[in-house]
Amino acid sequence: MKILLTGGAGYIGSHVLLSILRDNHDVFVIDDLSTGNKNLIPEKIQLIKCNINNEEKINSLLQEEKFDILLH
């Protein structure tokens, strides 16, 4: 499945990310890194540095990528 995870660079989000990766899903992470840590995101994961309030960027991403699931 193609999954979009918001806040994936935070403490809880990074653990959710590791769980998702164990099942070999295709994951994109959105995080503005205001409290998250980029080092918690594996290099193979696409990190989109963005605040989820950025409606234009989020709408564009959702239209381009066609995610199966959004986890927030």
Protein backbone atom coordinates (compact mmCIF):
# COMPACT_ATOMS: atom_id res chain seq x y z
CA MET A 1 0.00 0.00 0.00
CA LYS A 2 1.02 3.58 -0.55
CA ILE A 3 0.85 5.44 2.76
CA LEU A 4 1.20 9.10 3.70
CA LEU A 5 2.28 9.56 7.33
CA THR A 6 2.10 12.98 8.93
CA GLY A 7 4.48 13.76 11.78
CA GLY A 8 6.67 10.77 10.97
CA ALA A 9 9.83 12.41 12.34
CA GLY A 10 8.43 12.71 15.86
CA TYR A 11 8.67 10.16 18.65
CA ILE A 12 5.33 8.44 18.05
CA GLY A 13 5.35 8.96 14.29
CA SER A 14 8.80 7.42 13.90
CA HIS A 15 7.66 4.28 15.72
CA VAL A 16 4.56 4.10 13.51
CA LEU A 17 6.85 4.48 10.50
CA LEU A 18 9.05 1.56 11.61
CA SER A 19 5.96 -0.59 12.05
CA ILE A 20 4.69 0.28 8.57
CA LEU A 21 8.09 -0.44 7.03
CA ARG A 22 8.15 -3.94 8.53
CA ASP A 23 5.20 -4.73 6.26
CA ASN A 24 7.04 -3.35 3.19
CA HIS A 25 4.63 -0.54 2.42
CA ASP A 26 5.55 2.45 0.27
CA VAL A 27 5.65 5.36 2.74
CA PHE A 28 5.94 9.12 2.37
CA VAL A 29 6.43 11.25 5.49
CA ILE A 30 5.27 14.82 5.97
CA ASP A 31 6.85 16.69 8.86
CA ASP A 32 7.86 20.31 9.32
CA LEU A 33 10.63 19.18 11.70
CA SER A 34 9.61 21.78 14.27
CA THR A 35 9.75 19.10 16.97
CA GLY A 36 10.69 16.05 14.89
CA ASN A 37 14.13 14.77 14.01
CA LYS A 38 15.12 14.13 10.39
CA ASN A 39 17.55 11.44 11.57
CA LEU A 40 14.56 9.27 12.61
CA ILE A 41 13.54 8.91 8.95
CA PRO A 42 15.39 6.17 7.03
CA GLU A 43 17.16 7.45 3.91
CA LYS A 44 14.98 5.39 1.57
CA ILE A 45 11.84 7.19 2.79
CA GLN A 46 10.72 10.34 1.04
CA LEU A 47 10.47 13.16 3.60
CA ILE A 48 8.36 16.12 2.57
CA LYS A 49 9.30 19.03 4.82
CA CYS A 50 6.00 20.81 5.12
CA ASN A 51 3.49 21.94 7.69
CA ILE A 52 0.20 20.09 7.26
CA ASN A 53 -1.55 23.49 7.25
CA ASN A 54 0.02 24.21 3.83
CA GLU A 55 -3.18 23.47 1.92
CA GLU A 56 -1.73 24.10 -1.54
CA LYS A 57 1.22 21.74 -1.09
CA ILE A 58 -0.88 19.04 0.60
CA ASN A 59 -3.58 19.15 -2.09
CA SER A 60 -0.95 18.94 -4.80
CA LEU A 61 0.74 15.97 -3.11
CA LEU A 62 -2.56 14.11 -2.65
CA GLN A 63 -3.46 14.59 -6.32
CA GLU A 64 -0.02 13.56 -7.61
CA GLU A 65 0.61 10.49 -5.47
CA LYS A 66 -2.81 8.81 -5.02
CA PHE A 67 -2.25 7.40 -1.54
CA ASP A 68 -4.21 4.40 -0.28
CA ILE A 69 -4.04 5.54 3.34
CA LEU A 70 -3.33 8.76 5.22
CA LEU A 71 -2.18 8.38 8.84
CA HIS A 72 -2.25 11.46 11.02
